[in-house]
Amino acid sequence: MENWKDGVNFAITVCDAEGKIIEMNAKASATFAKSGGAGLAGKNLLDCHPEPAKTKLKKMLAEPFTNVYTIEKNGVKKLIYQTPWLRDGKPAGLVELSLEIPADLPHFIRN
């Protein structure tokens, strides 16, 4: 199958249960180019984050839960979605999706 993950316009980063980065798509590699890009694969996610993010990630690895928030950097807003992934029904690490969002994001309520 074609590597569809490199053809999407959002960053995907995956780590194992110890925090080791096991996969990054092309957008994630480009996003983190100044920090090592694709060379971050094999490194520990915890070493890439300052406090208090490091402590939150440790907790997410120990007691898996989903963490969702938005950020703005250099005028670009992003939605960050961090969630556990499962292997055989058990938490096996975390997946982070980072998506750029427009400044005026439409919001629809559907019934």
PDB file of N, CA and C in Angstrom:
ATOM      1  N   MET A   1       0.845  -1.192   0.000  1.00  0.00           N
ATOM      2  CA  MET A   1       0.000   0.000   0.000  1.00  0.00           C
ATOM      3  C   MET A   1       0.883   1.245   0.000  1.00  0.00           C
ATOM      4  N   GLU A   2       0.446   2.231  -0.716  1.00  0.00           N
ATOM      5  CA  GLU A   2       1.163   3.503  -0.766  1.00  0.00           C
ATOM      6  C   GLU A   2       1.216   4.122   0.626  1.00  0.00           C
ATOM      7  N   ASN A   3       2.289   4.857   0.920  1.00  0.00           N
ATOM      8  CA  ASN A   3       2.411   5.506   2.226  1.00  0.00           C
ATOM      9  C   ASN A   3       1.548   6.763   2.245  1.00  0.00           C
ATOM     10  N   TRP A   4       0.277   6.608   2.522  1.00  0.00           N
ATOM     11  CA  TRP A   4      -0.675   7.718   2.511  1.00  0.00           C
ATOM     12  C   TRP A   4      -0.325   8.783   3.540  1.00  0.00           C
ATOM     13  N   LYS A   5       0.359   8.403   4.619  1.00  0.00           N
ATOM     14  CA  LYS A   5       0.655   9.344   5.703  1.00  0.00           C
ATOM     15  C   LYS A   5       1.521  10.503   5.238  1.00  0.00           C
ATOM     16  N   ASP A   6       2.351  10.280   4.206  1.00  0.00           N
ATOM     17  CA  ASP A   6       3.198  11.357   3.709  1.00  0.00           C
ATOM     18  C   ASP A   6       2.465  12.256   2.721  1.00  0.00           C
ATOM     19  N   GLY A   7       1.250  11.886   2.346  1.00  0.00           N
ATOM     20  CA  GLY A   7       0.480  12.677   1.402  1.00  0.00           C
ATOM     21  C   GLY A   7      -0.581  13.545   2.045  1.00  0.00           C
ATOM     22  N   VAL A   8      -0.613  13.605   3.371  1.00  0.00           N
ATOM     23  CA  VAL A   8      -1.605  14.452   4.052  1.00  0.00           C
ATOM     24  C   VAL A   8      -0.940  15.730   4.550  1.00  0.00           C
ATOM     25  N   ASN A   9      -1.746  16.770   4.706  1.00  0.00           N
ATOM     26  CA  ASN A   9      -1.223  18.070   5.104  1.00  0.00           C
ATOM     27  C   ASN A   9      -1.365  18.310   6.605  1.00  0.00           C
ATOM     28  N   PHE A  10      -1.051  17.295   7.392  1.00  0.00           N
ATOM     29  CA  PHE A  10      -0.970  17.464   8.841  1.00  0.00           C
ATOM     30  C   PHE A  10       0.118  16.531   9.358  1.00  0.00           C
ATOM     31  N   ALA A  11       0.660  16.902  10.502  1.00  0.00           N
ATOM     32  CA  ALA A  11       1.778  16.149  11.072  1.00  0.00           C
ATOM     33  C   ALA A  11       1.269  14.983  11.914  1.00  0.00           C
ATOM     34  N   ILE A  12       1.903  13.823  11.721  1.00  0.00           N
ATOM     35  CA  ILE A  12       1.605  12.626  12.511  1.00  0.00           C
ATOM     36  C   ILE A  12       2.908  12.157  13.148  1.00  0.00           C
ATOM     37  N   THR A  13       2.909  12.063  14.470  1.00  0.00           N
ATOM     38  CA  THR A  13       4.061  11.551  15.204  1.00  0.00           C
ATOM     39  C   THR A  13       3.562  10.441  16.122  1.00  0.00           C
ATOM     40  N   VAL A  14       4.267   9.319  16.134  1.00  0.00           N
ATOM     41  CA  VAL A  14       3.861   8.161  16.930  1.00  0.00           C
ATOM     42  C   VAL A  14       5.024   7.747  17.821  1.00  0.00           C
ATOM     43  N   CYS A  15       4.722   7.462  19.090  1.00  0.00           N
ATOM     44  CA  CYS A  15       5.738   6.932  19.997  1.00  0.00           C
ATOM     45  C   CYS A  15       5.252   5.628  20.602  1.00  0.00           C
ATOM     46  N   ASP A  16       6.200   4.841  21.117  1.00  0.00           N
ATOM     47  CA  ASP A  16       5.845   3.590  21.790  1.00  0.00           C
ATOM     48  C   ASP A  16       5.528   3.874  23.260  1.00  0.00           C
ATOM     49  N   ALA A  17       5.305   2.835  24.022  1.00  0.00           N
ATOM     50  CA  ALA A  17       4.884   2.972  25.425  1.00  0.00           C
ATOM     51  C   ALA A  17       5.948   3.607  26.319  1.00  0.00           C
ATOM     52  N   GLU A  18       7.202   3.595  25.883  1.00  0.00           N
ATOM     53  CA  GLU A  18       8.276   4.234  26.661  1.00  0.00           C
ATOM     54  C   GLU A  18       8.534   5.672  26.208  1.00  0.00           C
ATOM     55  N   GLY A  19       7.865   6.093  25.126  1.00  0.00           N
ATOM     56  CA  GLY A  19       8.057   7.449  24.630  1.00  0.00           C
ATOM     57  C   GLY A  19       9.004   7.545  23.445  1.00  0.00           C
ATOM     58  N   LYS A  20       9.531   6.410  22.971  1.00  0.00           N
ATOM     59  CA  LYS A  20      10.445   6.431  21.823  1.00  0.00           C
ATOM     60  C   LYS A  20       9.657   6.703  20.549  1.00  0.00           C
ATOM     61  N   ILE A  21      10.100   7.684  19.771  1.00  0.00           N
ATOM     62  CA  ILE A  21       9.434   8.021  18.511  1.00  0.00           C
ATOM     63  C   ILE A  21       9.674   6.889  17.523  1.00  0.00           C
ATOM     64  N   ILE A  22       8.591   6.283  17.063  1.00  0.00           N
ATOM     65  CA  ILE A  22       8.715   5.142  16.151  1.00  0.00           C
ATOM     66  C   ILE A  22       8.255   5.480  14.738  1.00  0.00           C
ATOM     67  N   GLU A  23       7.571   6.600  14.578  1.00  0.00           N
ATOM     68  CA  GLU A  23       7.145   6.983  13.238  1.00  0.00           C
ATOM     69  C   GLU A  23       6.808   8.467  13.180  1.00  0.00           C
ATOM     70  N   MET A  24       7.178   9.077  12.043  1.00  0.00           N
ATOM     71  CA  MET A  24       6.823  10.465  11.751  1.00  0.00           C
ATOM     72  C   MET A  24       6.501  10.525  10.261  1.00  0.00           C
ATOM     73  N   ASN A  25       5.449  11.251   9.906  1.00  0.00           N
ATOM     74  CA  ASN A  25       5.209  11.410   8.476  1.00  0.00           C
ATOM     75  C   ASN A  25       6.024  12.598   7.956  1.00  0.00           C
ATOM     76  N   ALA A  26       5.947  12.862   6.656  1.00  0.00           N
ATOM     77  CA  ALA A  26       6.747  13.917   6.041  1.00  0.00           C
ATOM     78  C   ALA A  26       6.456  15.284   6.644  1.00  0.00           C
ATOM     79  N   LYS A  27       5.185  15.567   6.921  1.00  0.00           N
ATOM     80  CA  LYS A  27       4.820  16.869   7.497  1.00  0.00           C
ATOM     81  C   LYS A  27       5.400  17.019   8.900  1.00  0.00           C
ATOM     82  N   ALA A  28       5.390  15.972   9.705  1.00  0.00           N
ATOM     83  CA  ALA A  28       5.983  16.040  11.050  1.00  0.00           C
ATOM     84  C   ALA A  28       7.490  16.255  10.942  1.00  0.00           C
ATOM     85  N   SER A  29       8.132  15.548  10.024  1.00  0.00           N
ATOM     86  CA  SER A  29       9.582  15.720   9.832  1.00  0.00           C
ATOM     87  C   SER A  29       9.907  17.155   9.450  1.00  0.00           C
ATOM     88  N   ALA A  30       9.096  17.741   8.572  1.00  0.00           N
ATOM     89  CA  ALA A  30       9.316  19.132   8.158  1.00  0.00           C
ATOM     90  C   ALA A  30       9.029  20.095   9.300  1.00  0.00           C
ATOM     91  N   THR A  31       7.980  19.832  10.060  1.00  0.00           N
ATOM     92  CA  THR A  31       7.607  20.695  11.184  1.00  0.00           C
ATOM     93  C   THR A  31       8.722  20.762  12.218  1.00  0.00           C
ATOM     94  N   PHE A  32       9.360  19.624  12.464  1.00  0.00           N
ATOM     95  CA  PHE A  32      10.408  19.556  13.487  1.00  0.00           C
ATOM     96  C   PHE A  32      11.814  19.537  12.887  1.00  0.00           C
ATOM     97  N   ALA A  33      11.963  20.083  11.682  1.00  0.00           N
ATOM     98  CA  ALA A  33      13.255  20.079  10.979  1.00  0.00           C
ATOM     99  C   ALA A  33      14.371  20.704  11.820  1.00  0.00           C
ATOM    100  N   LYS A  34      14.089  21.822  12.491  1.00  0.00           N
ATOM    101  CA  LYS A  34      15.116  22.500  13.290  1.00  0.00           C
ATOM    102  C   LYS A  34      15.562  21.662  14.486  1.00  0.00           C
ATOM    103  N   SER A  35      14.726  20.716  14.909  1.00  0.00           N
ATOM    104  CA  SER A  35      15.049  19.860  16.051  1.00  0.00           C
ATOM    105  C   SER A  35      15.609  18.508  15.628  1.00  0.00           C
ATOM    106  N   GLY A  36      15.737  18.287  14.324  1.00  0.00           N
ATOM    107  CA  GLY A  36      16.279  17.021  13.852  1.00  0.00           C
ATOM    108  C   GLY A  36      15.433  16.334  12.803  1.00  0.00           C
ATOM    109  N   GLY A  37      14.198  16.805  12.593  1.00  0.00           N
ATOM    110  CA  GLY A  37      13.335  16.239  11.556  1.00  0.00           C
ATOM    111  C   GLY A  37      13.189  14.737  11.683  1.00  0.00           C
ATOM    112  N   ALA A  38      13.320  14.038  10.553  1.00  0.00           N
ATOM    113  CA  ALA A  38      13.168  12.579  10.524  1.00  0.00           C
ATOM    114  C   ALA A  38      14.189  11.895  11.428  1.00  0.00           C
ATOM    115  N   GLY A  39      15.297  12.580  11.731  1.00  0.00           N
ATOM    116  CA  GLY A  39      16.313  12.036  12.623  1.00  0.00           C
ATOM    117  C   GLY A  39      15.844  11.886  14.058  1.00  0.00           C
ATOM    118  N   LEU A  40      14.671  12.424  14.378  1.00  0.00           N
ATOM    119  CA  LEU A  40      14.124  12.269  15.723  1.00  0.00           C
ATOM    120  C   LEU A  40      13.599  10.855  15.957  1.00  0.00           C
ATOM    121  N   ALA A  41      13.326  10.120  14.877  1.00  0.00           N
ATOM    122  CA  ALA A  41      12.872   8.732  15.024  1.00  0.00           C
ATOM    123  C   ALA A  41      13.925   7.956  15.803  1.00  0.00           C
ATOM    124  N   GLY A  42      13.470   7.230  16.820  1.00  0.00           N
ATOM    125  CA  GLY A  42      14.381   6.492  17.692  1.00  0.00           C
ATOM    126  C   GLY A  42      14.742   7.253  18.959  1.00  0.00           C
ATOM    127  N   LYS A  43      14.502   8.558  18.972  1.00  0.00           N
ATOM    128  CA  LYS A  43      14.771   9.378  20.155  1.00  0.00           C
ATOM    129  C   LYS A  43      13.533   9.343  21.060  1.00  0.00           C
ATOM    130  N   ASN A  44      13.723   9.744  22.315  1.00  0.00           N
ATOM    131  CA  ASN A  44      12.603   9.745  23.241  1.00  0.00           C
ATOM    132  C   ASN A  44      11.859  11.067  23.163  1.00  0.00           C
ATOM    133  N   LEU A  45      10.553  10.964  23.018  1.00  0.00           N
ATOM    134  CA  LEU A  45       9.667  12.115  22.941  1.00  0.00           C
ATOM    135  C   LEU A  45       9.831  13.028  24.154  1.00  0.00           C
ATOM    136  N   LEU A  46      10.078  12.441  25.302  1.00  0.00           N
ATOM    137  CA  LEU A  46      10.201  13.231  26.530  1.00  0.00           C
ATOM    138  C   LEU A  46      11.396  14.175  26.479  1.00  0.00           C
ATOM    139  N   ASP A  47      12.450  13.786  25.761  1.00  0.00           N
ATOM    140  CA  ASP A  47      13.637  14.635  25.646  1.00  0.00           C
ATOM    141  C   ASP A  47      13.404  15.836  24.732  1.00  0.00           C
ATOM    142  N   CYS A  48      12.308  15.827  23.995  1.00  0.00           N
ATOM    143  CA  CYS A  48      12.000  16.890  23.040  1.00  0.00           C
ATOM    144  C   CYS A  48      11.082  17.958  23.619  1.00  0.00           C
ATOM    145  N   HIS A  49      10.637  17.778  24.854  1.00  0.00           N
ATOM    146  CA  HIS A  49       9.660  18.693  25.440  1.00  0.00           C
ATOM    147  C   HIS A  49      10.158  19.291  26.750  1.00  0.00           C
ATOM    148  N   PRO A  50       9.913  20.599  26.940  1.00  0.00           N
ATOM    149  CA  PRO A  50      10.223  21.236  28.222  1.00  0.00           C
ATOM    150  C   PRO A  50       9.080  20.973  29.198  1.00  0.00           C
ATOM    151  N   GLU A  51       9.293  21.347  30.449  1.00  0.00           N
ATOM    152  CA  GLU A  51       8.203  21.298  31.431  1.00  0.00           C
ATOM    153  C   GLU A  51       7.234  22.431  31.142  1.00  0.00           C
ATOM    154  N   PRO A  52       5.968  22.303  31.431  1.00  0.00           N
ATOM    155  CA  PRO A  52       5.297  21.183  32.062  1.00  0.00           C
ATOM    156  C   PRO A  52       4.852  20.092  31.078  1.00  0.00           C
ATOM    157  N   ALA A  53       5.125  20.293  29.770  1.00  0.00           N
ATOM    158  CA  ALA A  53       4.690  19.317  28.767  1.00  0.00           C
ATOM    159  C   ALA A  53       5.295  17.937  29.024  1.00  0.00           C
ATOM    160  N   LYS A  54       6.553  17.901  29.455  1.00  0.00           N
ATOM    161  CA  LYS A  54       7.222  16.616  29.707  1.00  0.00           C
ATOM    162  C   LYS A  54       6.479  15.813  30.774  1.00  0.00           C
ATOM    163  N   THR A  55       6.105  16.466  31.860  1.00  0.00           N
ATOM    164  CA  THR A  55       5.381  15.788  32.936  1.00  0.00           C
ATOM    165  C   THR A  55       4.022  15.291  32.453  1.00  0.00           C
ATOM    166  N   LYS A  56       3.323  16.099  31.648  1.00  0.00           N
ATOM    167  CA  LYS A  56       2.015  15.690  31.133  1.00  0.00           C
ATOM    168  C   LYS A  56       2.174  14.469  30.232  1.00  0.00           C
ATOM    169  N   LEU A  57       3.191  14.454  29.364  1.00  0.00           N
ATOM    170  CA  LEU A  57       3.414  13.304  28.490  1.00  0.00           C
ATOM    171  C   LEU A  57       3.750  12.048  29.283  1.00  0.00           C
ATOM    172  N   LYS A  58       4.544  12.185  30.335  1.00  0.00           N
ATOM    173  CA  LYS A  58       4.845  11.032  31.203  1.00  0.00           C
ATOM    174  C   LYS A  58       3.556  10.453  31.778  1.00  0.00           C
ATOM    175  N   LYS A  59       2.666  11.346  32.223  1.00  0.00           N
ATOM    176  CA  LYS A  59       1.390  10.908  32.789  1.00  0.00           C
ATOM    177  C   LYS A  59       0.534  10.236  31.715  1.00  0.00           C
ATOM    178  N   MET A  60       0.551  10.787  30.510  1.00  0.00           N
ATOM    179  CA  MET A  60      -0.230  10.202  29.417  1.00  0.00           C
ATOM    180  C   MET A  60       0.268   8.804  29.059  1.00  0.00           C
ATOM    181  N   LEU A  61       1.567   8.579  29.172  1.00  0.00           N
ATOM    182  CA  LEU A  61       2.126   7.254  28.901  1.00  0.00           C
ATOM    183  C   LEU A  61       1.793   6.277  30.028  1.00  0.00           C
ATOM    184  N   ALA A  62       1.765   6.766  31.266  1.00  0.00           N
ATOM    185  CA  ALA A  62       1.503   5.904  32.418  1.00  0.00           C
ATOM    186  C   ALA A  62       0.014   5.599  32.590  1.00  0.00           C
ATOM    187  N   GLU A  63      -0.808   6.599  32.392  1.00  0.00           N
ATOM    188  CA  GLU A  63      -2.259   6.468  32.572  1.00  0.00           C
ATOM    189  C   GLU A  63      -2.913   7.027  31.316  1.00  0.00           C
ATOM    190  N   PRO A  64      -2.898   6.281  30.233  1.00  0.00           N
ATOM    191  CA  PRO A  64      -3.287   6.837  28.926  1.00  0.00           C
ATOM    192  C   PRO A  64      -4.621   7.589  28.923  1.00  0.00           C
ATOM    193  N   PHE A  65      -4.568   8.795  28.367  1.00  0.00           N
ATOM    194  CA  PHE A  65      -5.755   9.618  28.161  1.00  0.00           C
ATOM    195  C   PHE A  65      -5.492  10.514  26.963  1.00  0.00           C
ATOM    196  N   THR A  66      -6.551  11.117  26.451  1.00  0.00           N
ATOM    197  CA  THR A  66      -6.456  12.004  25.295  1.00  0.00           C
ATOM    198  C   THR A  66      -6.292  13.444  25.758  1.00  0.00           C
ATOM    199  N   ASN A  67      -5.403  14.170  25.083  1.00  0.00           N
ATOM    200  CA  ASN A  67      -5.114  15.560  25.389  1.00  0.00           C
ATOM    201  C   ASN A  67      -5.292  16.358  24.095  1.00  0.00           C
ATOM    202  N   VAL A  68      -6.188  17.357  24.119  1.00  0.00           N
ATOM    203  CA  VAL A  68      -6.475  18.154  22.934  1.00  0.00           C
ATOM    204  C   VAL A  68      -6.400  19.628  23.294  1.00  0.00           C
ATOM    205  N   TYR A  69      -5.698  20.416  22.436  1.00  0.00           N
ATOM    206  CA  TYR A  69      -5.595  21.845  22.674  1.00  0.00           C
ATOM    207  C   TYR A  69      -5.237  22.549  21.370  1.00  0.00           C
ATOM    208  N   THR A  70      -5.298  23.871  21.388  1.00  0.00           N
ATOM    209  CA  THR A  70      -4.854  24.657  20.241  1.00  0.00           C
ATOM    210  C   THR A  70      -3.667  25.510  20.657  1.00  0.00           C
ATOM    211  N   ILE A  71      -2.846  25.839  19.661  1.00  0.00           N
ATOM    212  CA  ILE A  71      -1.705  26.728  19.876  1.00  0.00           C
ATOM    213  C   ILE A  71      -1.658  27.729  18.724  1.00  0.00           C
ATOM    214  N   GLU A  72      -0.893  28.784  18.919  1.00  0.00           N
ATOM    215  CA  GLU A  72      -0.608  29.711  17.830  1.00  0.00           C
ATOM    216  C   GLU A  72       0.872  30.043  17.893  1.00  0.00           C
ATOM    217  N   LYS A  73       1.555  29.920  16.752  1.00  0.00           N
ATOM    218  CA  LYS A  73       2.983  30.214  16.673  1.00  0.00           C
ATOM    219  C   LYS A  73       3.248  30.860  15.320  1.00  0.00           C
ATOM    220  N   ASN A  74       3.899  32.006  15.351  1.00  0.00           N
ATOM    221  CA  ASN A  74       4.198  32.756  14.128  1.00  0.00           C
ATOM    222  C   ASN A  74       2.944  33.007  13.289  1.00  0.00           C
ATOM    223  N   GLY A  75       1.825  33.288  13.964  1.00  0.00           N
ATOM    224  CA  GLY A  75       0.587  33.597  13.273  1.00  0.00           C
ATOM    225  C   GLY A  75      -0.171  32.401  12.728  1.00  0.00           C
ATOM    226  N   VAL A  76       0.325  31.180  12.983  1.00  0.00           N
ATOM    227  CA  VAL A  76      -0.336  29.965  12.500  1.00  0.00           C
ATOM    228  C   VAL A  76      -0.986  29.257  13.685  1.00  0.00           C
ATOM    229  N   LYS A  77      -2.301  29.040  13.583  1.00  0.00           N
ATOM    230  CA  LYS A  77      -3.019  28.319  14.628  1.00  0.00           C
ATOM    231  C   LYS A  77      -3.028  26.840  14.297  1.00  0.00           C
ATOM    232  N   LYS A  78      -2.894  26.015  15.330  1.00  0.00           N
ATOM    233  CA  LYS A  78      -2.909  24.564  15.149  1.00  0.00           C
ATOM    234  C   LYS A  78      -3.766  23.904  16.208  1.00  0.00           C
ATOM    235  N   LEU A  79      -4.385  22.813  15.804  1.00  0.00           N
ATOM    236  CA  LEU A  79      -5.065  21.913  16.733  1.00  0.00           C
ATOM    237  C   LEU A  79      -4.101  20.771  16.994  1.00  0.00           C
ATOM    238  N   ILE A  80      -3.819  20.504  18.252  1.00  0.00           N
ATOM    239  CA  ILE A  80      -2.963  19.392  18.646  1.00  0.00           C
ATOM    240  C   ILE A  80      -3.848  18.341  19.302  1.00  0.00           C
ATOM    241  N   TYR A  81      -3.779  17.113  18.772  1.00  0.00           N
ATOM    242  CA  TYR A  81      -4.608  16.012  19.282  1.00  0.00           C
ATOM    243  C   TYR A  81      -3.671  14.860  19.616  1.00  0.00           C
ATOM    244  N   GLN A  82      -3.518  14.586  20.896  1.00  0.00           N
ATOM    245  CA  GLN A  82      -2.634  13.521  21.374  1.00  0.00           C
ATOM    246  C   GLN A  82      -3.500  12.447  22.022  1.00  0.00           C
ATOM    247  N   THR A  83      -3.323  11.209  21.582  1.00  0.00           N
ATOM    248  CA  THR A  83      -4.176  10.141  22.086  1.00  0.00           C
ATOM    249  C   THR A  83      -3.427   8.815  22.108  1.00  0.00           C
ATOM    250  N   PRO A  84      -3.806   7.905  22.998  1.00  0.00           N
ATOM    251  CA  PRO A  84      -3.160   6.589  23.025  1.00  0.00           C
ATOM    252  C   PRO A  84      -3.514   5.783  21.774  1.00  0.00           C
ATOM    253  N   TRP A  85      -2.599   4.915  21.369  1.00  0.00           N
ATOM    254  CA  TRP A  85      -2.933   3.903  20.365  1.00  0.00           C
ATOM    255  C   TRP A  85      -2.816   2.549  21.042  1.00  0.00           C
ATOM    256  N   LEU A  86      -3.581   1.593  20.560  1.00  0.00           N
ATOM    257  CA  LEU A  86      -3.682   0.295  21.225  1.00  0.00           C
ATOM    258  C   LEU A  86      -3.088  -0.830  20.390  1.00  0.00           C
ATOM    259  N   ARG A  87      -2.496  -1.795  21.073  1.00  0.00           N
ATOM    260  CA  ARG A  87      -2.042  -3.051  20.473  1.00  0.00           C
ATOM    261  C   ARG A  87      -2.645  -4.157  21.321  1.00  0.00           C
ATOM    262  N   ASP A  88      -3.392  -5.038  20.690  1.00  0.00           N
ATOM    263  CA  ASP A  88      -4.074  -6.125  21.404  1.00  0.00           C
ATOM    264  C   ASP A  88      -4.929  -5.597  22.560  1.00  0.00           C
ATOM    265  N   GLY A  89      -5.542  -4.422  22.332  1.00  0.00           N
ATOM    266  CA  GLY A  89      -6.433  -3.849  23.329  1.00  0.00           C
ATOM    267  C   GLY A  89      -5.745  -3.134  24.478  1.00  0.00           C
ATOM    268  N   LYS A  90      -4.414  -3.052  24.444  1.00  0.00           N
ATOM    269  CA  LYS A  90      -3.670  -2.406  25.531  1.00  0.00           C
ATOM    270  C   LYS A  90      -2.913  -1.190  24.996  1.00  0.00           C
ATOM    271  N   PRO A  91      -2.775  -0.131  25.810  1.00  0.00           N
ATOM    272  CA  PRO A  91      -2.045   1.058  25.366  1.00  0.00           C
ATOM    273  C   PRO A  91      -0.619   0.704  24.952  1.00  0.00           C
ATOM    274  N   ALA A  92      -0.225   1.166  23.766  1.00  0.00           N
ATOM    275  CA  ALA A  92       1.101   0.846  23.234  1.00  0.00           C
ATOM    276  C   ALA A  92       1.936   2.095  22.963  1.00  0.00           C
ATOM    277  N   GLY A  93       1.383   3.261  23.257  1.00  0.00           N
ATOM    278  CA  GLY A  93       2.093   4.511  23.018  1.00  0.00           C
ATOM    279  C   GLY A  93       1.104   5.621  22.713  1.00  0.00           C
ATOM    280  N   LEU A  94       1.609   6.684  22.098  1.00  0.00           N
ATOM    281  CA  LEU A  94       0.785   7.845  21.791  1.00  0.00           C
ATOM    282  C   LEU A  94       0.904   8.213  20.322  1.00  0.00           C
ATOM    283  N   VAL A  95      -0.173   8.786  19.791  1.00  0.00           N
ATOM    284  CA  VAL A  95      -0.181   9.380  18.453  1.00  0.00           C
ATOM    285  C   VAL A  95      -0.497  10.851  18.633  1.00  0.00           C
ATOM    286  N   GLU A  96       0.269  11.699  17.952  1.00  0.00           N
ATOM    287  CA  GLU A  96      -0.026  13.129  17.948  1.00  0.00           C
ATOM    288  C   GLU A  96      -0.333  13.558  16.530  1.00  0.00           C
ATOM    289  N   LEU A  97      -1.482  14.214  16.366  1.00  0.00           N
ATOM    290  CA  LEU A  97      -1.842  14.857  15.109  1.00  0.00           C
ATOM    291  C   LEU A  97      -1.752  16.355  15.327  1.00  0.00           C
ATOM    292  N   SER A  98      -1.114  17.055  14.404  1.00  0.00           N
ATOM    293  CA  SER A  98      -0.997  18.503  14.476  1.00  0.00           C
ATOM    294  C   SER A  98      -1.527  19.066  13.165  1.00  0.00           C
ATOM    295  N   LEU A  99      -2.658  19.779  13.258  1.00  0.00           N
ATOM    296  CA  LEU A  99      -3.341  20.285  12.066  1.00  0.00           C
ATOM    297  C   LEU A  99      -3.414  21.800  12.102  1.00  0.00           C
ATOM    298  N   GLU A 100      -3.017  22.459  11.025  1.00  0.00           N
ATOM    299  CA  GLU A 100      -3.189  23.904  10.931  1.00  0.00           C
ATOM    300  C   GLU A 100      -4.670  24.191  10.771  1.00  0.00           C
ATOM    301  N   ILE A 101      -5.148  25.229  11.488  1.00  0.00           N
ATOM    302  CA  ILE A 101      -6.555  25.603  11.401  1.00  0.00           C
ATOM    303  C   ILE A 101      -6.652  27.085  11.050  1.00  0.00           C
ATOM    304  N   PRO A 102      -7.698  27.461  10.294  1.00  0.00           N
ATOM    305  CA  PRO A 102      -7.855  28.871   9.943  1.00  0.00           C
ATOM    306  C   PRO A 102      -8.170  29.719  11.167  1.00  0.00           C
ATOM    307  N   ALA A 103      -7.798  31.005  11.096  1.00  0.00           N
ATOM    308  CA  ALA A 103      -8.059  31.921  12.213  1.00  0.00           C
ATOM    309  C   ALA A 103      -9.548  32.012  12.509  1.00  0.00           C
ATOM    310  N   ASP A 104     -10.367  31.998  11.477  1.00  0.00           N
ATOM    311  CA  ASP A 104     -11.823  32.061  11.642  1.00  0.00           C
ATOM    312  C   ASP A 104     -12.416  30.722  11.245  1.00  0.00           C
ATOM    313  N   LEU A 105     -12.280  29.769  12.111  1.00  0.00           N
ATOM    314  CA  LEU A 105     -12.762  28.418  11.848  1.00  0.00           C
ATOM    315  C   LEU A 105     -14.281  28.366  11.981  1.00  0.00           C
ATOM    316  N   PRO A 106     -14.992  27.976  10.922  1.00  0.00           N
ATOM    317  CA  PRO A 106     -16.444  27.847  11.047  1.00  0.00           C
ATOM    318  C   PRO A 106     -16.801  26.758  12.054  1.00  0.00           C
ATOM    319  N   HIS A 107     -17.893  26.959  12.736  1.00  0.00           N
ATOM    320  CA  HIS A 107     -18.384  25.975  13.702  1.00  0.00           C
ATOM    321  C   HIS A 107     -19.851  25.721  13.385  1.00  0.00           C
ATOM    322  N   PHE A 108     -20.216  24.473  13.193  1.00  0.00           N
ATOM    323  CA  PHE A 108     -21.571  24.122  12.844  1.00  0.00           C
ATOM    324  C   PHE A 108     -22.171  23.232  13.927  1.00  0.00           C
ATOM    325  N   ILE A 109     -23.409  23.482  14.274  1.00  0.00           N
ATOM    326  CA  ILE A 109     -24.123  22.617  15.217  1.00  0.00           C
ATOM    327  C   ILE A 109     -25.123  21.824  14.398  1.00  0.00           C
ATOM    328  N   ARG A 110     -24.973  20.507  14.463  1.00  0.00           N
ATOM    329  CA  ARG A 110     -25.854  19.635  13.687  1.00  0.00           C
ATOM    330  C   ARG A 110     -26.743  18.851  14.639  1.00  0.00           C
ATOM    331  N   ASN A 111     -28.002  18.768  14.300  1.00  0.00           N
ATOM    332  CA  ASN A 111     -28.965  18.030  15.110  1.00  0.00           C
ATOM    333  C   ASN A 111     -29.312  16.723  14.432  1.00  0.00           C
TER     334      ASN A 111
END
